[in-house]
Every structure is written in C-alpha cells, then in structure tokens.
Amino acid sequence: MRIAYDPQTDALSMAISQQTVARSMEPASGVILNFGAEGTLVSVDLMGVTRWLGREAIARIVIDLSRL
C-alpha cells in the first residue's frame, strides 16, 4: 500500500495494489474509486483533501500497521 499527498492538486491517493486502473467512479464529490480489470479496488483518491483534514493534519498522517 502506498499513500501519497500531492500539494499541487490537493489530492491524497491511497494505492492498494499496482494493478492498472480499468475504470473509476466518483460515489461522492471528491472521492474517486479506481478499479482494475477484474473489478478489484486498486486505489482511492480524495480530491481537495485539505478542506476535510486541513494541511496540518495531512502532515501528521500516521499508519499503525500493528493494528491490521
């Protein structure tokens, strides 16, 4: 899994696999789900993420893998 923030587009991307994206859908404004050819979720993109989290919160994103 890879999580990246792009300050130029204000987008937070969470890549779950390295599959090629075959189709995308936007179930809510600014939330984009990307699927592979077999329909499995490949990544989630959150557009305009600072309006939800704020820039300070993005800098403090922590992932605790021990809880998975």
PDB file of N, CA and C in Angstrom:
ATOM      1  N   MET A   1       0.856  -1.176   0.000  1.00  0.00           N
ATOM      2  CA  MET A   1       0.000   0.000   0.000  1.00  0.00           C
ATOM      3  C   MET A   1       0.898   1.235   0.000  1.00  0.00           C
ATOM      4  N   ARG A   2       0.466   2.215  -0.744  1.00  0.00           N
ATOM      5  CA  ARG A   2       1.224   3.469  -0.815  1.00  0.00           C
ATOM      6  C   ARG A   2       0.231   4.608  -0.618  1.00  0.00           C
ATOM      7  N   ILE A   3       0.602   5.533   0.246  1.00  0.00           N
ATOM      8  CA  ILE A   3      -0.220   6.723   0.465  1.00  0.00           C
ATOM      9  C   ILE A   3       0.631   7.930   0.108  1.00  0.00           C
ATOM     10  N   ALA A   4       0.073   8.799  -0.716  1.00  0.00           N
ATOM     11  CA  ALA A   4       0.822   9.982  -1.144  1.00  0.00           C
ATOM     12  C   ALA A   4      -0.104  11.186  -1.191  1.00  0.00           C
ATOM     13  N   TYR A   5       0.463  12.333  -0.853  1.00  0.00           N
ATOM     14  CA  TYR A   5      -0.263  13.596  -0.946  1.00  0.00           C
ATOM     15  C   TYR A   5       0.409  14.472  -1.984  1.00  0.00           C
ATOM     16  N   ASP A   6      -0.376  15.018  -2.892  1.00  0.00           N
ATOM     17  CA  ASP A   6       0.136  15.924  -3.920  1.00  0.00           C
ATOM     18  C   ASP A   6      -0.380  17.326  -3.606  1.00  0.00           C
ATOM     19  N   PRO A   7       0.488  18.219  -3.110  1.00  0.00           N
ATOM     20  CA  PRO A   7       0.038  19.559  -2.750  1.00  0.00           C
ATOM     21  C   PRO A   7      -0.413  20.400  -3.939  1.00  0.00           C
ATOM     22  N   GLN A   8       0.088  20.104  -5.134  1.00  0.00           N
ATOM     23  CA  GLN A   8      -0.317  20.880  -6.315  1.00  0.00           C
ATOM     24  C   GLN A   8      -1.773  20.626  -6.684  1.00  0.00           C
ATOM     25  N   THR A   9      -2.242  19.386  -6.500  1.00  0.00           N
ATOM     26  CA  THR A   9      -3.622  19.062  -6.835  1.00  0.00           C
ATOM     27  C   THR A   9      -4.481  18.916  -5.580  1.00  0.00           C
ATOM     28  N   ASP A  10      -3.852  19.012  -4.403  1.00  0.00           N
ATOM     29  CA  ASP A  10      -4.528  18.838  -3.114  1.00  0.00           C
ATOM     30  C   ASP A  10      -5.277  17.506  -3.077  1.00  0.00           C
ATOM     31  N   ALA A  11      -4.560  16.455  -3.497  1.00  0.00           N
ATOM     32  CA  ALA A  11      -5.151  15.120  -3.569  1.00  0.00           C
ATOM     33  C   ALA A  11      -4.361  14.138  -2.714  1.00  0.00           C
ATOM     34  N   LEU A  12      -5.088  13.307  -1.983  1.00  0.00           N
ATOM     35  CA  LEU A  12      -4.500  12.227  -1.211  1.00  0.00           C
ATOM     36  C   LEU A  12      -4.842  10.933  -1.927  1.00  0.00           C
ATOM     37  N   SER A  13      -3.820  10.164  -2.283  1.00  0.00           N
ATOM     38  CA  SER A  13      -4.021   8.930  -3.031  1.00  0.00           C
ATOM     39  C   SER A  13      -3.580   7.754  -2.189  1.00  0.00           C
ATOM     40  N   MET A  14      -4.435   6.741  -2.106  1.00  0.00           N
ATOM     41  CA  MET A  14      -4.113   5.515  -1.380  1.00  0.00           C
ATOM     42  C   MET A  14      -4.145   4.370  -2.378  1.00  0.00           C
ATOM     43  N   ALA A  15      -2.972   3.921  -2.800  1.00  0.00           N
ATOM     44  CA  ALA A  15      -2.865   2.823  -3.760  1.00  0.00           C
ATOM     45  C   ALA A  15      -2.828   1.513  -2.994  1.00  0.00           C
ATOM     46  N   ILE A  16      -3.765   0.637  -3.298  1.00  0.00           N
ATOM     47  CA  ILE A  16      -3.875  -0.634  -2.604  1.00  0.00           C
ATOM     48  C   ILE A  16      -3.113  -1.729  -3.347  1.00  0.00           C
ATOM     49  N   SER A  17      -3.053  -1.628  -4.661  1.00  0.00           N
ATOM     50  CA  SER A  17      -2.302  -2.591  -5.460  1.00  0.00           C
ATOM     51  C   SER A  17      -1.652  -1.857  -6.628  1.00  0.00           C
ATOM     52  N   GLN A  18      -0.852  -2.594  -7.377  1.00  0.00           N
ATOM     53  CA  GLN A  18      -0.159  -1.998  -8.521  1.00  0.00           C
ATOM     54  C   GLN A  18      -0.847  -2.321  -9.841  1.00  0.00           C
ATOM     55  N   GLN A  19      -2.063  -2.830  -9.767  1.00  0.00           N
ATOM     56  CA  GLN A  19      -2.810  -3.130 -10.987  1.00  0.00           C
ATOM     57  C   GLN A  19      -3.068  -1.851 -11.787  1.00  0.00           C
ATOM     58  N   THR A  20      -3.284  -2.019 -13.065  1.00  0.00           N
ATOM     59  CA  THR A  20      -3.655  -0.907 -13.925  1.00  0.00           C
ATOM     60  C   THR A  20      -5.126  -0.571 -13.695  1.00  0.00           C
ATOM     61  N   VAL A  21      -5.425   0.712 -13.629  1.00  0.00           N
ATOM     62  CA  VAL A  21      -6.802   1.150 -13.437  1.00  0.00           C
ATOM     63  C   VAL A  21      -7.575   0.957 -14.743  1.00  0.00           C
ATOM     64  N   ALA A  22      -8.683   0.229 -14.661  1.00  0.00           N
ATOM     65  CA  ALA A  22      -9.521  -0.017 -15.833  1.00  0.00           C
ATOM     66  C   ALA A  22     -10.739   0.903 -15.858  1.00  0.00           C
ATOM     67  N   ARG A  23     -11.241   1.251 -14.658  1.00  0.00           N
ATOM     68  CA  ARG A  23     -12.381   2.160 -14.607  1.00  0.00           C
ATOM     69  C   ARG A  23     -12.388   2.869 -13.257  1.00  0.00           C
ATOM     70  N   SER A  24     -13.048   4.002 -13.210  1.00  0.00           N
ATOM     71  CA  SER A  24     -13.146   4.800 -11.995  1.00  0.00           C
ATOM     72  C   SER A  24     -14.586   5.221 -11.778  1.00  0.00           C
ATOM     73  N   MET A  25     -14.910   5.471 -10.531  1.00  0.00           N
ATOM     74  CA  MET A  25     -16.229   6.017 -10.216  1.00  0.00           C
ATOM     75  C   MET A  25     -16.077   7.019  -9.082  1.00  0.00           C
ATOM     76  N   GLU A  26     -16.981   7.982  -9.046  1.00  0.00           N
ATOM     77  CA  GLU A  26     -16.965   9.022  -8.021  1.00  0.00           C
ATOM     78  C   GLU A  26     -18.273   8.923  -7.225  1.00  0.00           C
ATOM     79  N   PRO A  27     -18.285   8.091  -6.145  1.00  0.00           N
ATOM     80  CA  PRO A  27     -19.512   7.889  -5.384  1.00  0.00           C
ATOM     81  C   PRO A  27     -19.932   9.111  -4.575  1.00  0.00           C
ATOM     82  N   ALA A  28     -18.994   9.986  -4.294  1.00  0.00           N
ATOM     83  CA  ALA A  28     -19.267  11.234  -3.591  1.00  0.00           C
ATOM     84  C   ALA A  28     -18.339  12.293  -4.158  1.00  0.00           C
ATOM     85  N   SER A  29     -18.712  13.536  -4.026  1.00  0.00           N
ATOM     86  CA  SER A  29     -17.901  14.623  -4.564  1.00  0.00           C
ATOM     87  C   SER A  29     -16.487  14.580  -3.999  1.00  0.00           C
ATOM     88  N   GLY A  30     -15.493  14.466  -4.871  1.00  0.00           N
ATOM     89  CA  GLY A  30     -14.095  14.464  -4.466  1.00  0.00           C
ATOM     90  C   GLY A  30     -13.560  13.122  -4.015  1.00  0.00           C
ATOM     91  N   VAL A  31     -14.370  12.074  -4.060  1.00  0.00           N
ATOM     92  CA  VAL A  31     -13.930  10.726  -3.683  1.00  0.00           C
ATOM     93  C   VAL A  31     -13.959   9.872  -4.943  1.00  0.00           C
ATOM     94  N   ILE A  32     -12.788   9.416  -5.378  1.00  0.00           N
ATOM     95  CA  ILE A  32     -12.696   8.639  -6.606  1.00  0.00           C
ATOM     96  C   ILE A  32     -12.171   7.245  -6.278  1.00  0.00           C
ATOM     97  N   LEU A  33     -12.940   6.242  -6.677  1.00  0.00           N
ATOM     98  CA  LEU A  33     -12.543   4.845  -6.504  1.00  0.00           C
ATOM     99  C   LEU A  33     -12.070   4.323  -7.850  1.00  0.00           C
ATOM    100  N   ASN A  34     -10.898   3.709  -7.868  1.00  0.00           N
ATOM    101  CA  ASN A  34     -10.314   3.180  -9.097  1.00  0.00           C
ATOM    102  C   ASN A  34     -10.271   1.656  -9.017  1.00  0.00           C
ATOM    103  N   PHE A  35     -10.740   1.002 -10.072  1.00  0.00           N
ATOM    104  CA  PHE A  35     -10.843  -0.448 -10.097  1.00  0.00           C
ATOM    105  C   PHE A  35     -10.008  -1.047 -11.219  1.00  0.00           C
ATOM    106  N   GLY A  36      -9.514  -2.260 -10.991  1.00  0.00           N
ATOM    107  CA  GLY A  36      -8.783  -2.990 -12.011  1.00  0.00           C
ATOM    108  C   GLY A  36      -9.739  -3.674 -12.965  1.00  0.00           C
ATOM    109  N   ALA A  37      -9.198  -4.386 -13.948  1.00  0.00           N
ATOM    110  CA  ALA A  37      -9.997  -5.041 -14.975  1.00  0.00           C
ATOM    111  C   ALA A  37     -10.952  -6.081 -14.404  1.00  0.00           C
ATOM    112  N   GLU A  38     -10.582  -6.718 -13.293  1.00  0.00           N
ATOM    113  CA  GLU A  38     -11.429  -7.745 -12.685  1.00  0.00           C
ATOM    114  C   GLU A  38     -12.391  -7.173 -11.653  1.00  0.00           C
ATOM    115  N   GLY A  39     -12.414  -5.856 -11.517  1.00  0.00           N
ATOM    116  CA  GLY A  39     -13.335  -5.213 -10.588  1.00  0.00           C
ATOM    117  C   GLY A  39     -12.815  -5.042  -9.181  1.00  0.00           C
ATOM    118  N   THR A  40     -11.553  -5.367  -8.946  1.00  0.00           N
ATOM    119  CA  THR A  40     -10.982  -5.189  -7.613  1.00  0.00           C
ATOM    120  C   THR A  40     -10.536  -3.744  -7.409  1.00  0.00           C
ATOM    121  N   LEU A  41     -10.650  -3.274  -6.191  1.00  0.00           N
ATOM    122  CA  LEU A  41     -10.261  -1.903  -5.875  1.00  0.00           C
ATOM    123  C   LEU A  41      -8.746  -1.759  -5.966  1.00  0.00           C
ATOM    124  N   VAL A  42      -8.307  -0.782  -6.745  1.00  0.00           N
ATOM    125  CA  VAL A  42      -6.878  -0.532  -6.960  1.00  0.00           C
ATOM    126  C   VAL A  42      -6.408   0.636  -6.111  1.00  0.00           C
ATOM    127  N   SER A  43      -7.210   1.716  -6.077  1.00  0.00           N
ATOM    128  CA  SER A  43      -6.807   2.888  -5.306  1.00  0.00           C
ATOM    129  C   SER A  43      -8.015   3.764  -4.994  1.00  0.00           C
ATOM    130  N   VAL A  44      -7.804   4.641  -4.016  1.00  0.00           N
ATOM    131  CA  VAL A  44      -8.807   5.630  -3.630  1.00  0.00           C
ATOM    132  C   VAL A  44      -8.128   6.990  -3.678  1.00  0.00           C
ATOM    133  N   ASP A  45      -8.759   7.939  -4.342  1.00  0.00           N
ATOM    134  CA  ASP A  45      -8.240   9.305  -4.423  1.00  0.00           C
ATOM    135  C   ASP A  45      -9.223  10.248  -3.740  1.00  0.00           C
ATOM    136  N   LEU A  46      -8.707  11.082  -2.859  1.00  0.00           N
ATOM    137  CA  LEU A  46      -9.517  12.105  -2.204  1.00  0.00           C
ATOM    138  C   LEU A  46      -9.059  13.454  -2.731  1.00  0.00           C
ATOM    139  N   MET A  47      -9.917  14.115  -3.469  1.00  0.00           N
ATOM    140  CA  MET A  47      -9.591  15.396  -4.075  1.00  0.00           C
ATOM    141  C   MET A  47      -9.990  16.524  -3.131  1.00  0.00           C
ATOM    142  N   GLY A  48      -9.182  17.580  -3.076  1.00  0.00           N
ATOM    143  CA  GLY A  48      -9.476  18.702  -2.189  1.00  0.00           C
ATOM    144  C   GLY A  48      -9.455  18.292  -0.732  1.00  0.00           C
ATOM    145  N   VAL A  49      -8.497  17.437  -0.409  1.00  0.00           N
ATOM    146  CA  VAL A  49      -8.469  16.802   0.920  1.00  0.00           C
ATOM    147  C   VAL A  49      -8.261  17.800   2.068  1.00  0.00           C
ATOM    148  N   THR A  50      -7.620  18.922   1.821  1.00  0.00           N
ATOM    149  CA  THR A  50      -7.391  19.863   2.923  1.00  0.00           C
ATOM    150  C   THR A  50      -8.680  20.492   3.430  1.00  0.00           C
ATOM    151  N   ARG A  51      -9.722  20.506   2.614  1.00  0.00           N
ATOM    152  CA  ARG A  51     -10.999  21.039   3.109  1.00  0.00           C
ATOM    153  C   ARG A  51     -11.599  20.121   4.168  1.00  0.00           C
ATOM    154  N   TRP A  52     -11.216  18.827   4.152  1.00  0.00           N
ATOM    155  CA  TRP A  52     -11.708  17.885   5.157  1.00  0.00           C
ATOM    156  C   TRP A  52     -10.764  17.781   6.350  1.00  0.00           C
ATOM    157  N   LEU A  53      -9.463  17.761   6.062  1.00  0.00           N
ATOM    158  CA  LEU A  53      -8.484  17.496   7.118  1.00  0.00           C
ATOM    159  C   LEU A  53      -7.683  18.706   7.570  1.00  0.00           C
ATOM    160  N   GLY A  54      -7.443  19.650   6.671  1.00  0.00           N
ATOM    161  CA  GLY A  54      -6.538  20.754   6.950  1.00  0.00           C
ATOM    162  C   GLY A  54      -5.108  20.342   6.642  1.00  0.00           C
ATOM    163  N   ARG A  55      -4.281  21.286   6.260  1.00  0.00           N
ATOM    164  CA  ARG A  55      -2.886  20.974   5.884  1.00  0.00           C
ATOM    165  C   ARG A  55      -2.070  20.413   7.043  1.00  0.00           C
ATOM    166  N   GLU A  56      -2.312  20.892   8.244  1.00  0.00           N
ATOM    167  CA  GLU A  56      -1.561  20.406   9.396  1.00  0.00           C
ATOM    168  C   GLU A  56      -1.843  18.924   9.649  1.00  0.00           C
ATOM    169  N   ALA A  57      -3.084  18.510   9.503  1.00  0.00           N
ATOM    170  CA  ALA A  57      -3.449  17.108   9.735  1.00  0.00           C
ATOM    171  C   ALA A  57      -2.812  16.185   8.698  1.00  0.00           C
ATOM    172  N   ILE A  58      -2.704  16.649   7.473  1.00  0.00           N
ATOM    173  CA  ILE A  58      -2.099  15.824   6.428  1.00  0.00           C
ATOM    174  C   ILE A  58      -0.643  15.536   6.761  1.00  0.00           C
ATOM    175  N   ALA A  59       0.047  16.508   7.305  1.00  0.00           N
ATOM    176  CA  ALA A  59       1.454  16.323   7.670  1.00  0.00           C
ATOM    177  C   ALA A  59       1.613  15.328   8.815  1.00  0.00           C
ATOM    178  N   ARG A  60       0.536  15.072   9.566  1.00  0.00           N
ATOM    179  CA  ARG A  60       0.616  14.172  10.718  1.00  0.00           C
ATOM    180  C   ARG A  60      -0.025  12.808  10.479  1.00  0.00           C
ATOM    181  N   ILE A  61      -0.343  12.465   9.242  1.00  0.00           N
ATOM    182  CA  ILE A  61      -0.958  11.164   8.962  1.00  0.00           C
ATOM    183  C   ILE A  61       0.013  10.057   9.359  1.00  0.00           C
ATOM    184  N   VAL A  62      -0.474   9.150  10.173  1.00  0.00           N
ATOM    185  CA  VAL A  62       0.326   8.031  10.652  1.00  0.00           C
ATOM    186  C   VAL A  62      -0.459   6.747  10.393  1.00  0.00           C
ATOM    187  N   ILE A  63       0.232   5.730   9.960  1.00  0.00           N
ATOM    188  CA  ILE A  63      -0.416   4.439   9.751  1.00  0.00           C
ATOM    189  C   ILE A  63       0.209   3.447  10.711  1.00  0.00           C
ATOM    190  N   ASP A  64      -0.621   2.873  11.562  1.00  0.00           N
ATOM    191  CA  ASP A  64      -0.168   1.900  12.537  1.00  0.00           C
ATOM    192  C   ASP A  64      -0.458   0.495  11.993  1.00  0.00           C
ATOM    193  N   LEU A  65       0.544  -0.125  11.418  1.00  0.00           N
ATOM    194  CA  LEU A  65       0.362  -1.438  10.787  1.00  0.00           C
ATOM    195  C   LEU A  65       0.166  -2.542  11.819  1.00  0.00           C
ATOM    196  N   SER A  66       0.521  -2.308  13.057  1.00  0.00           N
ATOM    197  CA  SER A  66       0.358  -3.326  14.080  1.00  0.00           C
ATOM    198  C   SER A  66      -1.108  -3.613  14.374  1.00  0.00           C
ATOM    199  N   ARG A  67      -1.996  -2.705  14.003  1.00  0.00           N
ATOM    200  CA  ARG A  67      -3.421  -2.887  14.257  1.00  0.00           C
ATOM    201  C   ARG A  67      -4.137  -3.591  13.111  1.00  0.00           C
ATOM    202  N   LEU A  68      -3.426  -3.888  12.052  1.00  0.00           N
ATOM    203  CA  LEU A  68      -4.060  -4.553  10.906  1.00  0.00           C
ATOM    204  C   LEU A  68      -4.069  -6.061  11.095  1.00  0.00           C
TER     205      LEU A  68
END
